[in-house]
Every structure is written in C-alpha cells, then in structure tokens.
Amino acid sequence: MSRPPTFVPPPCASARTLRTARGDFAVLDAVPADGVRRRGTVLLLPGFTGSKEDFIALLEPLTAAGYRAVTVDGRGQYETPGPDDVAAYAQEELARDVLAQAAALSEEGDEDRGGGSAGRLHLLGHSLGGQIARAAVLLDAGPFATLTLMSSGPAAIVPEQRTRARMLADALAALSMDEVWQAMRAMEPPPPQEAETGAEGDGGAGSGEALRARWLLHSPAQLIATGRQLSTEPDRVSELAALPLPKHVISGERDDTWPVPLLDDMARRLDAHRTVIRGAEHSPNTDRPAETAAALAGFWRRTG
C-alpha cells in the first residue's frame, strides 16, 4: 500500500470531479503557475489499494516543470464510487474508463494551449495502474503522446504477492472492510512513525486514520477483481512493443511485486527509456518524489 506524505493537496492542485461519457471520476487537478511555460498534461493512474493521493508529492515539481497533472481515482477507488458487481471491474472496462478520461480532458481544453507540446497528453500508470494504462493504449493509443509504466511489470505479480491477493479476496468475501483493515494491521503493523502519530487529523504522513478512511471507501468488488487481474495478467509486451508510442519504464531499485531485473528486461523488449530511482522501492512516487518527477519531466521533454 502506497503511503502518501499527506492527503492535503498542494496549492497548485484542486480536488474536483472529471465528468466523462462513462461517469464521473474524482481527481486532483494541478496546474502550472502563471508565467510557467505549459508543456503538456499527464494523466496519472494509481495502483492496487491506492488512490489519486499517491501522486500528491509529484504535483508541485511536475507543475513547476510545466506539466498539468491530473491524478484520478478509478471506478471503485476511494472517492470515485463504483458498483458492487465484480464484472464491472473487468480490465477492458477500466481501460475504457481511461480513454473516456482522456477524451474529457481533451474536450475541456486548456485555455493556455497554443498548439505544439502544450496540447500533448502523457499517460502514466503505477503498478496496477500501469497494466490498466497498457490495456488502454492497446485499445486506442491515439489520445496519448507517451506511455510511462511505473513499477508495473510485464505479466502477473510474483507468487508471494499472488498469495496475498488471494488471501485478501477471501477475507473481503467474508468480512467487512473495517474488519479486513484491522486484520491487515495485525498482520503487518504500521511503521513506527505512523504508530506513534496515527491519530493525526491533518492527513499527514503519520496519519493512519487517513489511510483507514481511504481503505473504507474502496469497493470490495474492485479490490477482488483487480487482485485477480494482477494474479493472472498475461504477458502483452510484444503487443505493446508494436505500438509506435514512446515508452518509459521507471521503478525503484528494489521491488517486491515485480523483480527489478524483470522490469529491466521488459524495458529492453519495449525499446523503452529506463529509469531506476535510487533509494526507492515499489512506490518511487512517494519514496523519492523529487527525483521521480525530474526523471518523468526529462523523458517527456525529450519526446518533444
């Protein structure tokens, strides 16, 4: 589970609803300050059990680099409600949601667009979000200038993580969300700093209550469906490699969900730009946000 440093958006960002042809989605929309050259927009998709707040530490450095950053709760994640039917979270349904989000951003326009790079839309997915992003561009790559896969591997997660996903699905079928939360905390206690300050009310880094509140708003059906997807995802790297879309594979130097050598090999097969963020693990977006934002902005600038 990604632990964002805060759940409070920075001054550059506002919480709002993105209205699309496939429903409404809760987003954080961060816009560069006046006078900053606009270079494009990036749509950011969070991972399993995550939310739009997982990218919150990237928002200020990305806007300072000239990028509008829109980070979204997918259907059934946190502040975007979703149905109770597991079938509603089939990967293709989630991918079509992404295409609808891209279309809505395009239709909204950007009052500061002047053509060229300012109108480009970059797609980034973290972990589960990366596999959903991949499915979206395989349906239609047209809306996107680039694709970034962050800590998101070529196929199913490693066996240990598959076991965890199966245990979670079994628990969600039998227990309430709060009961599952308590069981998870018993099995994997929070970091010492969170345990010490877990009652913080400002949504800060130590706020175990903020993480619990997010968890309670997730749809159990979404978690069951996407956990199965992560455990059974086929290798679609060859399909993705055939798309003439600039690609970026970025990760930490350690990863317990997809081993880093597997990500290295995927990048080679994709002929993708490869970045390893030193000192980061599965969530470089929260572990090393400044370095991660710099690597992302550098890749987007190099692609025009």
Protein backbone atom coordinates (compact mmCIF):
# COMPACT_ATOMS: atom_id res chain seq x y z
CA MET A 1 0.00 0.00 0.00
CA SER A 2 1.42 3.37 -1.02
CA ARG A 3 1.63 5.83 1.85
CA PRO A 4 1.39 9.39 0.50
CA PRO A 5 3.09 12.03 2.65
CA THR A 6 -0.23 13.85 3.02
CA PHE A 7 -3.82 13.71 1.81
CA VAL A 8 -3.97 17.53 1.57
CA PRO A 9 -3.43 18.82 -2.00
CA PRO A 10 -0.70 21.43 -2.54
CA PRO A 11 -1.71 24.98 -3.53
CA CYS A 12 -1.21 24.20 -7.22
CA ALA A 13 -3.90 21.48 -7.13
CA SER A 14 -7.64 21.40 -6.65
CA ALA A 15 -9.91 18.45 -5.91
CA ARG A 16 -12.73 18.25 -8.42
CA THR A 17 -14.90 15.93 -10.50
CA LEU A 18 -13.93 14.96 -14.03
CA ARG A 19 -17.14 14.31 -15.95
CA THR A 20 -16.83 11.76 -18.77
CA ALA A 21 -19.04 9.76 -21.10
CA ARG A 22 -18.52 6.78 -18.77
CA GLY A 23 -19.27 8.52 -15.50
CA ASP A 24 -17.74 10.93 -13.02
CA PHE A 25 -14.27 10.50 -11.52
CA ALA A 26 -12.68 12.21 -8.52
CA VAL A 27 -9.41 13.88 -9.49
CA LEU A 28 -6.72 16.21 -8.24
CA ASP A 29 -6.01 18.71 -10.98
CA ALA A 30 -2.67 20.52 -10.64
CA VAL A 31 -1.92 23.42 -12.97
CA PRO A 32 1.38 25.28 -13.59
CA ALA A 33 1.58 28.78 -12.18
CA ASP A 34 1.13 31.83 -14.38
CA GLY A 35 4.29 32.53 -16.32
CA VAL A 36 5.43 28.90 -16.42
CA ARG A 37 5.67 27.52 -19.94
CA ARG A 38 2.98 24.87 -20.49
CA ARG A 39 4.47 21.68 -21.88
CA GLY A 40 1.52 19.30 -21.74
CA THR A 41 -0.78 17.31 -19.47
CA VAL A 42 -0.19 14.00 -17.73
CA LEU A 43 -2.95 11.62 -16.61
CA LEU A 44 -1.81 9.52 -13.63
CA LEU A 45 -3.42 6.19 -12.65
CA PRO A 46 -2.84 4.77 -9.14
CA GLY A 47 -2.15 1.20 -8.17
CA PHE A 48 -3.90 -1.57 -6.23
CA THR A 49 -5.47 -0.28 -2.97
CA GLY A 50 -4.19 3.20 -3.90
CA SER A 51 -5.76 6.49 -4.89
CA LYS A 52 -5.07 9.80 -6.60
CA GLU A 53 -3.24 10.97 -3.45
CA ASP A 54 -0.43 8.50 -4.17
CA PHE A 55 0.92 11.09 -6.66
CA ILE A 56 0.43 14.10 -4.43
CA ALA A 57 4.16 14.61 -3.80
CA LEU A 58 4.77 14.78 -7.57
CA LEU A 59 2.30 17.57 -8.24
CA GLU A 60 4.37 20.62 -7.31
CA PRO A 61 7.56 19.52 -9.12
CA LEU A 62 5.61 18.48 -12.22
CA THR A 63 3.74 21.77 -12.42
CA ALA A 64 6.99 23.66 -11.85
CA ALA A 65 8.35 21.80 -14.88
CA GLY A 66 5.37 23.00 -16.94
CA TYR A 67 3.04 19.99 -16.79
CA ARG A 68 -0.59 19.99 -15.81
CA ALA A 69 -1.02 16.83 -13.71
CA VAL A 70 -4.40 15.13 -13.33
CA THR A 71 -4.41 12.19 -10.94
CA VAL A 72 -7.57 10.11 -10.79
CA ASP A 73 -9.46 7.68 -8.58
CA GLY A 74 -10.67 4.94 -10.91
CA ARG A 75 -14.10 3.45 -10.52
CA GLY A 76 -14.44 1.89 -7.08
CA GLN A 77 -11.29 3.60 -5.77
CA TYR A 78 -11.55 5.93 -2.78
CA GLU A 79 -13.67 8.95 -3.78
CA THR A 80 -14.99 7.55 -7.06
CA PRO A 81 -17.92 5.25 -6.25
CA GLY A 82 -18.33 2.01 -8.14
CA PRO A 83 -20.85 -0.83 -8.43
CA ASP A 84 -20.84 -3.94 -6.25
CA ASP A 85 -20.55 -6.24 -9.29
CA VAL A 86 -17.09 -7.73 -9.80
CA ALA A 87 -17.75 -7.88 -13.56
CA ALA A 88 -17.90 -4.07 -13.67
CA TYR A 89 -14.14 -4.01 -12.98
CA ALA A 90 -13.02 -6.16 -15.89
CA GLN A 91 -9.75 -4.79 -17.21
CA GLU A 92 -11.27 -3.68 -20.51
CA GLU A 93 -13.93 -1.70 -18.62
CA LEU A 94 -11.24 0.06 -16.60
CA ALA A 95 -9.21 0.71 -19.77
CA ARG A 96 -12.23 2.24 -21.49
CA ASP A 97 -12.67 4.49 -18.46
CA VAL A 98 -9.13 5.78 -19.07
CA LEU A 99 -9.93 6.53 -22.70
CA ALA A 100 -13.04 8.40 -21.56
CA GLN A 101 -10.97 10.40 -19.08
CA ALA A 102 -8.52 11.29 -21.86
CA ALA A 103 -11.40 12.37 -24.10
CA ALA A 104 -12.88 14.52 -21.33
CA LEU A 105 -9.56 16.26 -20.74
CA SER A 106 -9.28 16.93 -24.45
CA GLU A 107 -12.82 18.29 -24.62
CA GLU A 108 -12.24 20.55 -21.64
CA GLY A 109 -9.30 22.04 -23.44
CA ASP A 110 -6.58 24.06 -21.85
CA GLU A 111 -7.01 27.79 -22.02
CA ASP A 112 -3.26 28.17 -22.28
CA ARG A 113 -2.80 25.73 -25.14
CA GLY A 114 -1.15 27.27 -28.13
CA GLY A 115 -0.58 24.13 -30.13
CA GLY A 116 2.61 22.10 -30.18
CA SER A 117 3.73 20.39 -27.00
CA ALA A 118 1.27 22.29 -24.78
CA GLY A 119 -1.56 20.10 -26.05
CA ARG A 120 0.17 16.74 -25.53
CA LEU A 121 -1.35 14.18 -23.16
CA HIS A 122 1.01 11.76 -21.43
CA LEU A 123 -0.29 8.61 -19.70
CA LEU A 124 1.32 7.18 -16.55
CA GLY A 125 0.22 4.17 -14.54
CA HIS A 126 1.68 2.91 -11.27
CA SER A 127 1.63 -0.85 -10.62
CA LEU A 128 -1.97 -2.00 -11.34
CA GLY A 129 -2.48 1.39 -12.97
CA GLY A 130 0.33 0.56 -15.39
CA GLN A 131 -1.41 -2.59 -16.57
CA ILE A 132 -4.66 -0.68 -16.99
CA ALA A 133 -2.77 2.03 -18.91
CA ARG A 134 -1.25 -0.65 -21.14
CA ALA A 135 -4.70 -2.09 -21.85
CA ALA A 136 -5.99 1.40 -22.69
CA VAL A 137 -3.29 2.18 -25.27
CA LEU A 138 -3.70 -1.28 -26.80
CA LEU A 139 -7.35 -0.36 -27.37
CA ASP A 140 -6.50 3.11 -28.68
CA ALA A 141 -3.11 4.78 -28.45
CA GLY A 142 -4.31 7.81 -30.39
CA PRO A 143 -5.03 10.15 -27.46
CA PHE A 144 -1.59 9.75 -25.91
CA ALA A 145 1.82 11.22 -26.68
CA THR A 146 3.73 8.78 -24.42
CA LEU A 147 3.20 5.89 -22.00
CA THR A 148 5.04 5.53 -18.68
CA LEU A 149 4.87 2.28 -16.71
CA MET A 150 5.89 2.90 -13.11
CA SER A 151 6.75 -0.22 -11.09
CA SER A 152 4.41 -2.19 -13.35
CA GLY A 153 5.57 -5.46 -14.81
CA PRO A 154 5.04 -7.47 -17.99
CA ALA A 155 2.65 -10.06 -16.62
CA ALA A 156 1.34 -11.42 -13.29
CA ILE A 157 2.77 -10.41 -9.92
CA VAL A 158 5.22 -12.70 -8.14
CA PRO A 159 3.84 -15.82 -6.37
CA GLU A 160 4.11 -14.35 -2.86
CA GLN A 161 2.03 -11.35 -3.89
CA ARG A 162 -0.47 -13.62 -5.65
CA THR A 163 -0.93 -15.46 -2.36
CA ARG A 164 -1.54 -12.14 -0.59
CA ALA A 165 -4.08 -11.07 -3.21
CA ARG A 166 -5.94 -14.38 -2.87
CA MET A 167 -5.99 -14.08 0.93
CA LEU A 168 -7.34 -10.55 0.62
CA ALA A 169 -10.09 -11.66 -1.75
CA ASP A 170 -11.10 -14.45 0.63
CA ALA A 171 -11.20 -12.00 3.53
CA LEU A 172 -13.25 -9.44 1.59
CA ALA A 173 -15.81 -12.12 0.74
CA ALA A 174 -16.33 -12.93 4.41
CA LEU A 175 -15.62 -9.77 6.43
CA SER A 176 -16.44 -6.07 6.44
CA MET A 177 -13.91 -3.58 5.11
CA ASP A 178 -13.15 -2.42 8.65
CA GLU A 179 -12.63 -5.99 9.85
CA VAL A 180 -10.25 -6.63 6.96
CA TRP A 181 -8.38 -3.42 7.78
CA GLN A 182 -7.91 -4.50 11.37
CA ALA A 183 -6.70 -7.92 10.25
CA MET A 184 -4.19 -6.39 7.84
CA ARG A 185 -2.84 -4.09 10.54
CA ALA A 186 -2.44 -7.05 12.89
CA MET A 187 -0.51 -9.00 10.24
CA GLU A 188 1.60 -6.03 9.10
CA PRO A 189 1.92 -3.33 11.79
CA PRO A 190 2.38 0.27 10.59
CA PRO A 191 5.81 1.91 10.51
CA PRO A 192 6.92 3.25 13.92
CA GLN A 193 6.33 6.90 12.99
CA GLU A 194 2.77 6.13 11.88
CA ALA A 195 2.05 4.09 15.01
CA GLU A 196 3.24 6.99 17.15
CA THR A 197 1.17 9.67 15.38
CA GLY A 198 -1.62 7.67 13.80
CA ALA A 199 -4.34 9.90 15.23
CA GLU A 200 -3.23 12.97 13.28
CA GLY A 201 -6.19 14.77 11.81
CA ASP A 202 -4.47 16.70 9.03
CA GLY A 203 -3.92 13.78 6.70
CA GLY A 204 -0.17 13.97 7.24
CA ALA A 205 2.44 11.31 6.67
CA GLY A 206 1.74 9.65 10.01
CA SER A 207 -2.00 9.62 9.60
CA GLY A 208 -3.07 6.01 9.93
CA GLU A 209 -6.61 7.32 10.18
CA ALA A 210 -6.36 8.88 6.70
CA LEU A 211 -5.19 5.58 5.26
CA ARG A 212 -8.01 3.76 7.03
CA ALA A 213 -10.58 6.26 5.73
CA ARG A 214 -9.31 5.70 2.20
CA TRP A 215 -9.46 1.93 2.60
CA LEU A 216 -13.05 2.03 3.87
CA LEU A 217 -14.22 3.88 0.75
CA HIS A 218 -12.75 1.34 -1.67
CA SER A 219 -15.20 -1.04 -3.31
CA PRO A 220 -14.60 -4.65 -2.20
CA ALA A 221 -15.66 -5.78 -5.67
CA GLN A 222 -13.00 -3.57 -7.24
CA LEU A 223 -10.30 -4.99 -4.96
CA ILE A 224 -11.35 -8.59 -5.63
CA ALA A 225 -11.49 -8.08 -9.40
CA THR A 226 -8.22 -6.18 -9.73
CA GLY A 227 -6.40 -8.54 -7.36
CA ARG A 228 -7.38 -11.38 -9.70
CA GLN A 229 -6.19 -9.37 -12.69
CA LEU A 230 -2.79 -8.80 -11.10
CA SER A 231 -2.52 -12.52 -10.37
CA THR A 232 -3.43 -13.72 -13.88
CA GLU A 233 -2.26 -10.93 -16.23
CA PRO A 234 -0.71 -12.36 -19.41
CA ASP A 235 2.49 -11.05 -20.96
CA ARG A 236 1.42 -8.43 -23.54
CA VAL A 237 4.81 -6.83 -24.05
CA SER A 238 5.07 -7.84 -27.70
CA GLU A 239 1.70 -6.24 -28.45
CA LEU A 240 2.77 -3.06 -26.69
CA ALA A 241 6.16 -3.00 -28.39
CA ALA A 242 4.41 -2.93 -31.77
CA LEU A 243 2.85 0.46 -31.00
CA PRO A 244 4.90 3.45 -32.23
CA LEU A 245 4.42 5.21 -28.89
CA PRO A 246 7.40 6.45 -26.85
CA LYS A 247 7.59 4.36 -23.68
CA HIS A 248 9.25 4.80 -20.30
CA VAL A 249 9.77 2.11 -17.64
CA ILE A 250 10.54 3.64 -14.25
CA SER A 251 10.93 1.89 -10.89
CA GLY A 252 12.79 1.91 -7.63
CA GLU A 253 15.98 -0.07 -7.17
CA ARG A 254 14.07 -2.73 -5.21
CA ASP A 255 10.61 -4.13 -5.88
CA ASP A 256 8.76 -6.95 -4.14
CA THR A 257 5.94 -7.11 -6.71
CA TRP A 258 7.92 -7.43 -9.96
CA PRO A 259 11.68 -8.01 -9.58
CA VAL A 260 13.79 -5.19 -10.99
CA PRO A 261 15.61 -7.49 -13.48
CA LEU A 262 12.19 -8.38 -14.91
CA LEU A 263 11.44 -4.67 -15.36
CA ASP A 264 14.86 -4.19 -16.99
CA ASP A 265 14.07 -6.96 -19.45
CA MET A 266 10.62 -5.54 -20.18
CA ALA A 267 12.15 -2.16 -20.97
CA ARG A 268 14.59 -3.83 -23.37
CA ARG A 269 11.78 -5.71 -25.12
CA LEU A 270 9.80 -2.47 -25.44
CA ASP A 271 12.82 -0.46 -26.58
CA ALA A 272 11.72 1.88 -23.79
CA HIS A 273 13.58 4.55 -21.88
CA ARG A 274 14.57 3.05 -18.50
CA THR A 275 14.93 4.88 -15.19
CA VAL A 276 15.84 3.37 -11.79
CA ILE A 277 15.27 5.71 -8.84
CA ARG A 278 17.91 5.13 -6.21
CA GLY A 279 16.67 4.72 -2.67
CA ALA A 280 13.12 3.89 -3.83
CA GLU A 281 11.16 0.65 -3.76
CA HIS A 282 7.74 -0.16 -5.29
CA SER A 283 6.47 3.43 -4.99
CA PRO A 284 9.12 5.88 -6.21
CA ASN A 285 6.32 8.45 -6.43
CA THR A 286 6.16 8.51 -2.61
CA ASP A 287 9.67 7.24 -1.75
CA ARG A 288 11.66 9.74 -3.86
CA PRO A 289 9.22 12.20 -5.43
CA ALA A 290 11.68 14.93 -6.45
CA GLU A 291 13.96 12.51 -8.30
CA THR A 292 10.96 10.74 -9.83
CA ALA A 293 9.37 13.98 -11.07
CA ALA A 294 12.68 15.09 -12.60
CA ALA A 295 13.04 11.78 -14.47
CA LEU A 296 9.46 11.95 -15.75
CA ALA A 297 9.73 15.55 -16.92
CA GLY A 298 13.05 14.82 -18.62
CA PHE A 299 11.53 11.92 -20.56
CA TRP A 300 8.54 13.97 -21.69
CA ARG A 301 10.75 16.86 -22.80
CA ARG A 302 12.95 14.51 -24.84
CA THR A 303 9.92 13.16 -26.70
CA GLY A 304 9.06 16.65 -27.96
